[in-house]
mmCIF file of all heavy atoms, coordinates in Angstrom:
data_MODEL
# 
_entry.id   MODEL 
# 
loop_
_atom_site.group_PDB 
_atom_site.id 
_atom_site.type_symbol 
_atom_site.label_atom_id 
_atom_site.label_alt_id 
_atom_site.label_comp_id 
_atom_site.label_asym_id 
_atom_site.label_entity_id 
_atom_site.label_seq_id 
_atom_site.pdbx_PDB_ins_code 
_atom_site.Cartn_x 
_atom_site.Cartn_y 
_atom_site.Cartn_z 
_atom_site.occupancy 
_atom_site.B_iso_or_equiv 
_atom_site.pdbx_formal_charge 
_atom_site.auth_seq_id 
_atom_site.auth_comp_id 
_atom_site.auth_asym_id 
_atom_site.auth_atom_id 
_atom_site.pdbx_PDB_model_num 
ATOM 1   N N   . GLN A 1 1  ? -18.355 30.862 -0.668  1.00 0.00 ? 1  GLN A N   1 
ATOM 2   C CA  . GLN A 1 1  ? -19.391 31.465 -1.496  1.00 0.00 ? 1  GLN A CA  1 
ATOM 3   C C   . GLN A 1 1  ? -19.789 30.494 -2.597  1.00 0.00 ? 1  GLN A C   1 
ATOM 4   O O   . GLN A 1 1  ? -18.930 30.028 -3.383  1.00 0.00 ? 1  GLN A O   1 
ATOM 5   C CB  . GLN A 1 1  ? -18.852 32.772 -2.113  1.00 0.00 ? 1  GLN A CB  1 
ATOM 6   C CG  . GLN A 1 1  ? -18.592 33.865 -1.075  1.00 0.00 ? 1  GLN A CG  1 
ATOM 7   C CD  . GLN A 1 1  ? -19.784 34.205 -0.255  1.00 0.00 ? 1  GLN A CD  1 
ATOM 8   O OE1 . GLN A 1 1  ? -20.862 34.466 -0.796  1.00 0.00 ? 1  GLN A OE1 1 
ATOM 9   N NE2 . GLN A 1 1  ? -19.610 34.221 1.067   1.00 0.00 ? 1  GLN A NE2 1 
ATOM 10  N N   . SER A 1 2  ? -21.114 30.203 -2.690  1.00 0.00 ? 2  SER A N   1 
ATOM 11  C CA  . SER A 1 2  ? -21.593 29.174 -3.622  1.00 0.00 ? 2  SER A CA  1 
ATOM 12  C C   . SER A 1 2  ? -22.826 29.658 -4.345  1.00 0.00 ? 2  SER A C   1 
ATOM 13  O O   . SER A 1 2  ? -23.919 29.122 -4.210  1.00 0.00 ? 2  SER A O   1 
ATOM 14  C CB  . SER A 1 2  ? -21.951 27.894 -2.801  1.00 0.00 ? 2  SER A CB  1 
ATOM 15  O OG  . SER A 1 2  ? -20.965 27.558 -1.873  1.00 0.00 ? 2  SER A OG  1 
ATOM 16  N N   . PRO A 1 3  ? -22.685 30.692 -5.209  1.00 0.00 ? 3  PRO A N   1 
ATOM 17  C CA  . PRO A 1 3  ? -23.834 31.200 -5.940  1.00 0.00 ? 3  PRO A CA  1 
ATOM 18  C C   . PRO A 1 3  ? -24.419 30.204 -6.898  1.00 0.00 ? 3  PRO A C   1 
ATOM 19  O O   . PRO A 1 3  ? -23.709 29.402 -7.539  1.00 0.00 ? 3  PRO A O   1 
ATOM 20  C CB  . PRO A 1 3  ? -23.250 32.398 -6.684  1.00 0.00 ? 3  PRO A CB  1 
ATOM 21  C CG  . PRO A 1 3  ? -21.806 32.141 -6.797  1.00 0.00 ? 3  PRO A CG  1 
ATOM 22  C CD  . PRO A 1 3  ? -21.422 31.366 -5.549  1.00 0.00 ? 3  PRO A CD  1 
ATOM 23  N N   . LYS A 1 4  ? -25.716 30.201 -7.009  1.00 0.00 ? 4  LYS A N   1 
ATOM 24  C CA  . LYS A 1 4  ? -26.428 29.230 -7.838  1.00 0.00 ? 4  LYS A CA  1 
ATOM 25  C C   . LYS A 1 4  ? -26.069 29.450 -9.340  1.00 0.00 ? 4  LYS A C   1 
ATOM 26  O O   . LYS A 1 4  ? -25.993 30.575 -9.792  1.00 0.00 ? 4  LYS A O   1 
ATOM 27  C CB  . LYS A 1 4  ? -27.924 29.403 -7.642  1.00 0.00 ? 4  LYS A CB  1 
ATOM 28  C CG  . LYS A 1 4  ? -28.765 28.334 -8.300  1.00 0.00 ? 4  LYS A CG  1 
ATOM 29  C CD  . LYS A 1 4  ? -30.230 28.484 -7.925  1.00 0.00 ? 4  LYS A CD  1 
ATOM 30  C CE  . LYS A 1 4  ? -31.087 27.432 -8.622  1.00 0.00 ? 4  LYS A CE  1 
ATOM 31  N NZ  . LYS A 1 4  ? -32.517 27.627 -8.300  1.00 0.00 ? 4  LYS A NZ  1 
ATOM 32  N N   . GLY A 1 5  ? -25.866 28.302 -10.006 1.00 0.00 ? 5  GLY A N   1 
ATOM 33  C CA  . GLY A 1 5  ? -25.644 28.360 -11.448 1.00 0.00 ? 5  GLY A CA  1 
ATOM 34  C C   . GLY A 1 5  ? -24.256 28.767 -11.882 1.00 0.00 ? 5  GLY A C   1 
ATOM 35  O O   . GLY A 1 5  ? -23.995 28.944 -13.057 1.00 0.00 ? 5  GLY A O   1 
ATOM 36  N N   . LYS A 1 6  ? -23.317 28.896 -10.927 1.00 0.00 ? 6  LYS A N   1 
ATOM 37  C CA  . LYS A 1 6  ? -21.980 29.364 -11.273 1.00 0.00 ? 6  LYS A CA  1 
ATOM 38  C C   . LYS A 1 6  ? -20.904 28.350 -11.106 1.00 0.00 ? 6  LYS A C   1 
ATOM 39  O O   . LYS A 1 6  ? -19.991 28.182 -11.945 1.00 0.00 ? 6  LYS A O   1 
ATOM 40  C CB  . LYS A 1 6  ? -21.643 30.599 -10.426 1.00 0.00 ? 6  LYS A CB  1 
ATOM 41  C CG  . LYS A 1 6  ? -22.524 31.815 -10.663 1.00 0.00 ? 6  LYS A CG  1 
ATOM 42  C CD  . LYS A 1 6  ? -22.326 32.380 -12.063 1.00 0.00 ? 6  LYS A CD  1 
ATOM 43  C CE  . LYS A 1 6  ? -23.151 33.637 -12.246 1.00 0.00 ? 6  LYS A CE  1 
ATOM 44  N NZ  . LYS A 1 6  ? -22.973 34.198 -13.627 1.00 0.00 ? 6  LYS A NZ  1 
ATOM 45  N N   . GLY A 1 7  ? -20.929 27.629 -9.974  1.00 0.00 ? 7  GLY A N   1 
ATOM 46  C CA  . GLY A 1 7  ? -19.813 26.714 -9.655  1.00 0.00 ? 7  GLY A CA  1 
ATOM 47  C C   . GLY A 1 7  ? -20.209 25.280 -9.657  1.00 0.00 ? 7  GLY A C   1 
ATOM 48  O O   . GLY A 1 7  ? -21.335 24.905 -10.115 1.00 0.00 ? 7  GLY A O   1 
ATOM 49  N N   . ILE A 1 8  ? -19.300 24.448 -9.141  1.00 0.00 ? 8  ILE A N   1 
ATOM 50  C CA  . ILE A 1 8  ? -19.598 23.042 -8.880  1.00 0.00 ? 8  ILE A CA  1 
ATOM 51  C C   . ILE A 1 8  ? -19.430 22.812 -7.412  1.00 0.00 ? 8  ILE A C   1 
ATOM 52  O O   . ILE A 1 8  ? -18.388 23.114 -6.833  1.00 0.00 ? 8  ILE A O   1 
ATOM 53  C CB  . ILE A 1 8  ? -18.668 22.111 -9.676  1.00 0.00 ? 8  ILE A CB  1 
ATOM 54  C CG1 . ILE A 1 8  ? -19.055 22.161 -11.161 1.00 0.00 ? 8  ILE A CG1 1 
ATOM 55  C CG2 . ILE A 1 8  ? -18.699 20.692 -9.174  1.00 0.00 ? 8  ILE A CG2 1 
ATOM 56  C CD1 . ILE A 1 8  ? -18.132 21.406 -12.070 1.00 0.00 ? 8  ILE A CD1 1 
ATOM 57  N N   . TYR A 1 9  ? -20.483 22.254 -6.802  1.00 0.00 ? 9  TYR A N   1 
ATOM 58  C CA  . TYR A 1 9  ? -20.462 21.994 -5.387  1.00 0.00 ? 9  TYR A CA  1 
ATOM 59  C C   . TYR A 1 9  ? -20.898 20.528 -5.248  1.00 0.00 ? 9  TYR A C   1 
ATOM 60  O O   . TYR A 1 9  ? -22.060 20.166 -5.468  1.00 0.00 ? 9  TYR A O   1 
ATOM 61  C CB  . TYR A 1 9  ? -21.440 22.916 -4.627  1.00 0.00 ? 9  TYR A CB  1 
ATOM 62  C CG  . TYR A 1 9  ? -21.346 24.354 -5.153  1.00 0.00 ? 9  TYR A CG  1 
ATOM 63  C CD1 . TYR A 1 9  ? -22.376 24.907 -5.886  1.00 0.00 ? 9  TYR A CD1 1 
ATOM 64  C CD2 . TYR A 1 9  ? -20.169 25.100 -4.961  1.00 0.00 ? 9  TYR A CD2 1 
ATOM 65  C CE1 . TYR A 1 9  ? -22.283 26.205 -6.392  1.00 0.00 ? 9  TYR A CE1 1 
ATOM 66  C CE2 . TYR A 1 9  ? -20.090 26.401 -5.469  1.00 0.00 ? 9  TYR A CE2 1 
ATOM 67  C CZ  . TYR A 1 9  ? -21.120 26.930 -6.188  1.00 0.00 ? 9  TYR A CZ  1 
ATOM 68  O OH  . TYR A 1 9  ? -21.029 28.195 -6.703  1.00 0.00 ? 9  TYR A OH  1 
ATOM 69  N N   . VAL A 1 10 ? -19.953 19.684 -4.885  1.00 0.00 ? 10 VAL A N   1 
ATOM 70  C CA  . VAL A 1 10 ? -20.219 18.223 -4.878  1.00 0.00 ? 10 VAL A CA  1 
ATOM 71  C C   . VAL A 1 10 ? -19.506 17.601 -3.689  1.00 0.00 ? 10 VAL A C   1 
ATOM 72  O O   . VAL A 1 10 ? -18.389 17.976 -3.353  1.00 0.00 ? 10 VAL A O   1 
ATOM 73  C CB  . VAL A 1 10 ? -19.759 17.551 -6.215  1.00 0.00 ? 10 VAL A CB  1 
ATOM 74  C CG1 . VAL A 1 10 ? -18.284 17.857 -6.505  1.00 0.00 ? 10 VAL A CG1 1 
ATOM 75  C CG2 . VAL A 1 10 ? -20.034 16.086 -6.224  1.00 0.00 ? 10 VAL A CG2 1 
ATOM 76  N N   . SER A 1 11 ? -20.199 16.645 -3.096  1.00 0.00 ? 11 SER A N   1 
ATOM 77  C CA  . SER A 1 11 ? -19.596 15.866 -1.990  1.00 0.00 ? 11 SER A CA  1 
ATOM 78  C C   . SER A 1 11 ? -19.718 14.362 -2.342  1.00 0.00 ? 11 SER A C   1 
ATOM 79  O O   . SER A 1 11 ? -20.751 13.909 -2.777  1.00 0.00 ? 11 SER A O   1 
ATOM 80  C CB  . SER A 1 11 ? -20.351 16.120 -0.660  1.00 0.00 ? 11 SER A CB  1 
ATOM 81  O OG  . SER A 1 11 ? -20.137 17.452 -0.226  1.00 0.00 ? 11 SER A OG  1 
ATOM 82  N N   . LEU A 1 12 ? -18.606 13.678 -2.178  1.00 0.00 ? 12 LEU A N   1 
ATOM 83  C CA  . LEU A 1 12 ? -18.547 12.215 -2.377  1.00 0.00 ? 12 LEU A CA  1 
ATOM 84  C C   . LEU A 1 12 ? -18.593 11.536 -1.007  1.00 0.00 ? 12 LEU A C   1 
ATOM 85  O O   . LEU A 1 12 ? -17.803 11.839 -0.136  1.00 0.00 ? 12 LEU A O   1 
ATOM 86  C CB  . LEU A 1 12 ? -17.267 11.838 -3.143  1.00 0.00 ? 12 LEU A CB  1 
ATOM 87  C CG  . LEU A 1 12 ? -17.299 11.901 -4.680  1.00 0.00 ? 12 LEU A CG  1 
ATOM 88  C CD1 . LEU A 1 12 ? -18.189 10.807 -5.248  1.00 0.00 ? 12 LEU A CD1 1 
ATOM 89  C CD2 . LEU A 1 12 ? -17.728 13.258 -5.147  1.00 0.00 ? 12 LEU A CD2 1 
ATOM 90  N N   . LEU A 1 13 ? -19.527 10.596 -0.883  1.00 0.00 ? 13 LEU A N   1 
ATOM 91  C CA  . LEU A 1 13 ? -19.772 9.903  0.371   1.00 0.00 ? 13 LEU A CA  1 
ATOM 92  C C   . LEU A 1 13 ? -19.346 8.424  0.233   1.00 0.00 ? 13 LEU A C   1 
ATOM 93  O O   . LEU A 1 13 ? -19.851 7.704  -0.629  1.00 0.00 ? 13 LEU A O   1 
ATOM 94  C CB  . LEU A 1 13 ? -21.253 9.990  0.727   1.00 0.00 ? 13 LEU A CB  1 
ATOM 95  C CG  . LEU A 1 13 ? -21.730 9.272  1.996   1.00 0.00 ? 13 LEU A CG  1 
ATOM 96  C CD1 . LEU A 1 13 ? -21.019 9.804  3.230   1.00 0.00 ? 13 LEU A CD1 1 
ATOM 97  C CD2 . LEU A 1 13 ? -23.250 9.451  2.134   1.00 0.00 ? 13 LEU A CD2 1 
ATOM 98  N N   . TYR A 1 14 ? -18.424 8.040  1.098   1.00 0.00 ? 14 TYR A N   1 
ATOM 99  C CA  . TYR A 1 14 ? -17.893 6.656  1.045   1.00 0.00 ? 14 TYR A CA  1 
ATOM 100 C C   . TYR A 1 14 ? -17.989 6.023  2.451   1.00 0.00 ? 14 TYR A C   1 
ATOM 101 O O   . TYR A 1 14 ? -18.061 6.720  3.484   1.00 0.00 ? 14 TYR A O   1 
ATOM 102 C CB  . TYR A 1 14 ? -16.425 6.660  0.620   1.00 0.00 ? 14 TYR A CB  1 
ATOM 103 C CG  . TYR A 1 14 ? -16.176 7.169  -0.758  1.00 0.00 ? 14 TYR A CG  1 
ATOM 104 C CD1 . TYR A 1 14 ? -15.627 8.435  -0.971  1.00 0.00 ? 14 TYR A CD1 1 
ATOM 105 C CD2 . TYR A 1 14 ? -16.481 6.398  -1.866  1.00 0.00 ? 14 TYR A CD2 1 
ATOM 106 C CE1 . TYR A 1 14 ? -15.376 8.920  -2.264  1.00 0.00 ? 14 TYR A CE1 1 
ATOM 107 C CE2 . TYR A 1 14 ? -16.224 6.858  -3.179  1.00 0.00 ? 14 TYR A CE2 1 
ATOM 108 C CZ  . TYR A 1 14 ? -15.685 8.103  -3.329  1.00 0.00 ? 14 TYR A CZ  1 
ATOM 109 O OH  . TYR A 1 14 ? -15.433 8.580  -4.604  1.00 0.00 ? 14 TYR A OH  1 
ATOM 110 N N   . LYS A 1 15 ? -17.888 4.699  2.453   1.00 0.00 ? 15 LYS A N   1 
ATOM 111 C CA  . LYS A 1 15 ? -17.795 3.987  3.728   1.00 0.00 ? 15 LYS A CA  1 
ATOM 112 C C   . LYS A 1 15 ? -16.641 2.991  3.602   1.00 0.00 ? 15 LYS A C   1 
ATOM 113 O O   . LYS A 1 15 ? -16.840 1.780  3.380   1.00 0.00 ? 15 LYS A O   1 
ATOM 114 C CB  . LYS A 1 15 ? -19.114 3.238  4.052   1.00 0.00 ? 15 LYS A CB  1 
ATOM 115 C CG  . LYS A 1 15 ? -19.090 2.654  5.460   1.00 0.00 ? 15 LYS A CG  1 
ATOM 116 C CD  . LYS A 1 15 ? -20.451 2.084  5.837   1.00 0.00 ? 15 LYS A CD  1 
ATOM 117 C CE  . LYS A 1 15 ? -20.443 1.566  7.298   1.00 0.00 ? 15 LYS A CE  1 
ATOM 118 N NZ  . LYS A 1 15 ? -21.757 1.046  7.679   1.00 0.00 ? 15 LYS A NZ  1 
ATOM 119 N N   . PRO A 1 16 ? -15.437 3.441  3.771   1.00 0.00 ? 16 PRO A N   1 
ATOM 120 C CA  . PRO A 1 16 ? -14.266 2.558  3.599   1.00 0.00 ? 16 PRO A CA  1 
ATOM 121 C C   . PRO A 1 16 ? -14.073 1.653  4.801   1.00 0.00 ? 16 PRO A C   1 
ATOM 122 O O   . PRO A 1 16 ? -14.245 2.087  5.916   1.00 0.00 ? 16 PRO A O   1 
ATOM 123 C CB  . PRO A 1 16 ? -13.097 3.553  3.460   1.00 0.00 ? 16 PRO A CB  1 
ATOM 124 C CG  . PRO A 1 16 ? -13.560 4.759  4.220   1.00 0.00 ? 16 PRO A CG  1 
ATOM 125 C CD  . PRO A 1 16 ? -15.051 4.846  4.039   1.00 0.00 ? 16 PRO A CD  1 
ATOM 126 N N   . ASP A 1 17 ? -13.703 0.424  4.525   1.00 0.00 ? 17 ASP A N   1 
ATOM 127 C CA  . ASP A 1 17 ? -13.431 -0.526 5.594   1.00 0.00 ? 17 ASP A CA  1 
ATOM 128 C C   . ASP A 1 17 ? -11.936 -0.444 5.967   1.00 0.00 ? 17 ASP A C   1 
ATOM 129 O O   . ASP A 1 17 ? -11.170 -1.339 5.675   1.00 0.00 ? 17 ASP A O   1 
ATOM 130 C CB  . ASP A 1 17 ? -13.817 -1.911 5.156   1.00 0.00 ? 17 ASP A CB  1 
ATOM 131 C CG  . ASP A 1 17 ? -13.684 -2.948 6.235   1.00 0.00 ? 17 ASP A CG  1 
ATOM 132 O OD1 . ASP A 1 17 ? -13.586 -2.538 7.438   1.00 0.00 ? 17 ASP A OD1 1 
ATOM 133 O OD2 . ASP A 1 17 ? -13.616 -4.179 5.954   1.00 0.00 ? 17 ASP A OD2 1 
ATOM 134 N N   . VAL A 1 18 ? -11.546 0.694  6.548   1.00 0.00 ? 18 VAL A N   1 
ATOM 135 C CA  . VAL A 1 18 ? -10.153 0.916  6.927   1.00 0.00 ? 18 VAL A CA  1 
ATOM 136 C C   . VAL A 1 18 ? -10.128 1.586  8.290   1.00 0.00 ? 18 VAL A C   1 
ATOM 137 O O   . VAL A 1 18 ? -11.174 2.100  8.773   1.00 0.00 ? 18 VAL A O   1 
ATOM 138 C CB  . VAL A 1 18 ? -9.410  1.827  5.916   1.00 0.00 ? 18 VAL A CB  1 
ATOM 139 C CG1 . VAL A 1 18 ? -9.412  1.185  4.525   1.00 0.00 ? 18 VAL A CG1 1 
ATOM 140 C CG2 . VAL A 1 18 ? -10.057 3.214  5.862   1.00 0.00 ? 18 VAL A CG2 1 
ATOM 141 N N   . ALA A 1 19 ? -8.995  1.556  8.941   1.00 0.00 ? 19 ALA A N   1 
ATOM 142 C CA  . ALA A 1 19 ? -8.830  2.241  10.236  1.00 0.00 ? 19 ALA A CA  1 
ATOM 143 C C   . ALA A 1 19 ? -8.987  3.742  10.042  1.00 0.00 ? 19 ALA A C   1 
ATOM 144 O O   . ALA A 1 19 ? -8.474  4.321  9.050   1.00 0.00 ? 19 ALA A O   1 
ATOM 145 C CB  . ALA A 1 19 ? -7.488  1.934  10.834  1.00 0.00 ? 19 ALA A CB  1 
ATOM 146 N N   . PRO A 1 20 ? -9.678  4.409  10.939  1.00 0.00 ? 20 PRO A N   1 
ATOM 147 C CA  . PRO A 1 20 ? -9.905  5.881  10.783  1.00 0.00 ? 20 PRO A CA  1 
ATOM 148 C C   . PRO A 1 20 ? -8.623  6.672  10.613  1.00 0.00 ? 20 PRO A C   1 
ATOM 149 O O   . PRO A 1 20 ? -8.611  7.669  9.877   1.00 0.00 ? 20 PRO A O   1 
ATOM 150 C CB  . PRO A 1 20 ? -10.634 6.252  12.090  1.00 0.00 ? 20 PRO A CB  1 
ATOM 151 C CG  . PRO A 1 20 ? -11.348 5.017  12.502  1.00 0.00 ? 20 PRO A CG  1 
ATOM 152 C CD  . PRO A 1 20 ? -10.425 3.882  12.090  1.00 0.00 ? 20 PRO A CD  1 
ATOM 153 N N   . MET A 1 21 ? -7.499  6.259  11.235  1.00 0.00 ? 21 MET A N   1 
ATOM 154 C CA  . MET A 1 21 ? -6.273  7.013  11.109  1.00 0.00 ? 21 MET A CA  1 
ATOM 155 C C   . MET A 1 21 ? -5.766  7.081  9.676   1.00 0.00 ? 21 MET A C   1 
ATOM 156 O O   . MET A 1 21 ? -5.064  8.015  9.287   1.00 0.00 ? 21 MET A O   1 
ATOM 157 C CB  . MET A 1 21 ? -5.190  6.428  12.001  1.00 0.00 ? 21 MET A CB  1 
ATOM 158 C CG  . MET A 1 21 ? -5.341  6.793  13.467  1.00 0.00 ? 21 MET A CG  1 
ATOM 159 S SD  . MET A 1 21 ? -5.328  8.576  13.728  1.00 0.00 ? 21 MET A SD  1 
ATOM 160 C CE  . MET A 1 21 ? -3.679  8.976  13.162  1.00 0.00 ? 21 MET A CE  1 
ATOM 161 N N   . ARG A 1 22 ? -6.168  6.100  8.863   1.00 0.00 ? 22 ARG A N   1 
ATOM 162 C CA  . ARG A 1 22 ? -5.732  6.136  7.460   1.00 0.00 ? 22 ARG A CA  1 
ATOM 163 C C   . ARG A 1 22 ? -6.362  7.303  6.695   1.00 0.00 ? 22 ARG A C   1 
ATOM 164 O O   . ARG A 1 22 ? -5.825  7.714  5.643   1.00 0.00 ? 22 ARG A O   1 
ATOM 165 C CB  . ARG A 1 22 ? -6.126  4.810  6.774   1.00 0.00 ? 22 ARG A CB  1 
ATOM 166 C CG  . ARG A 1 22 ? -5.100  3.706  7.002   1.00 0.00 ? 22 ARG A CG  1 
ATOM 167 C CD  . ARG A 1 22 ? -5.276  2.618  5.972   1.00 0.00 ? 22 ARG A CD  1 
ATOM 168 N NE  . ARG A 1 22 ? -5.170  3.100  4.623   1.00 0.00 ? 22 ARG A NE  1 
ATOM 169 C CZ  . ARG A 1 22 ? -5.607  2.461  3.538   1.00 0.00 ? 22 ARG A CZ  1 
ATOM 170 N NH1 . ARG A 1 22 ? -6.166  1.286  3.670   1.00 0.00 ? 22 ARG A NH1 1 
ATOM 171 N NH2 . ARG A 1 22 ? -5.478  2.981  2.335   1.00 0.00 ? 22 ARG A NH2 1 
ATOM 172 N N   . ALA A 1 23 ? -7.490  7.797  7.194   1.00 0.00 ? 23 ALA A N   1 
ATOM 173 C CA  . ALA A 1 23 ? -8.175  8.865  6.486   1.00 0.00 ? 23 ALA A CA  1 
ATOM 174 C C   . ALA A 1 23 ? -7.512  10.240 6.670   1.00 0.00 ? 23 ALA A C   1 
ATOM 175 O O   . ALA A 1 23 ? -7.929  11.207 6.000   1.00 0.00 ? 23 ALA A O   1 
ATOM 176 C CB  . ALA A 1 23 ? -9.645  8.926  6.915   1.00 0.00 ? 23 ALA A CB  1 
ATOM 177 N N   . VAL A 1 24 ? -6.535  10.308 7.546   1.00 0.00 ? 24 VAL A N   1 
ATOM 178 C CA  . VAL A 1 24 ? -5.913  11.607 7.822   1.00 0.00 ? 24 VAL A CA  1 
ATOM 179 C C   . VAL A 1 24 ? -5.337  12.234 6.547   1.00 0.00 ? 24 VAL A C   1 
ATOM 180 O O   . VAL A 1 24 ? -5.375  13.444 6.362   1.00 0.00 ? 24 VAL A O   1 
ATOM 181 C CB  . VAL A 1 24 ? -4.784  11.419 8.871   1.00 0.00 ? 24 VAL A CB  1 
ATOM 182 C CG1 . VAL A 1 24 ? -3.982  12.722 9.039   1.00 0.00 ? 24 VAL A CG1 1 
ATOM 183 C CG2 . VAL A 1 24 ? -5.433  11.012 10.211  1.00 0.00 ? 24 VAL A CG2 1 
# 
């Protein structure tokens, strides 16, 4: 539930140069 003006809804987008398994 993400009602407007109430919470914080944020996504951080990265492109790490690491093996995908490290992201587990």
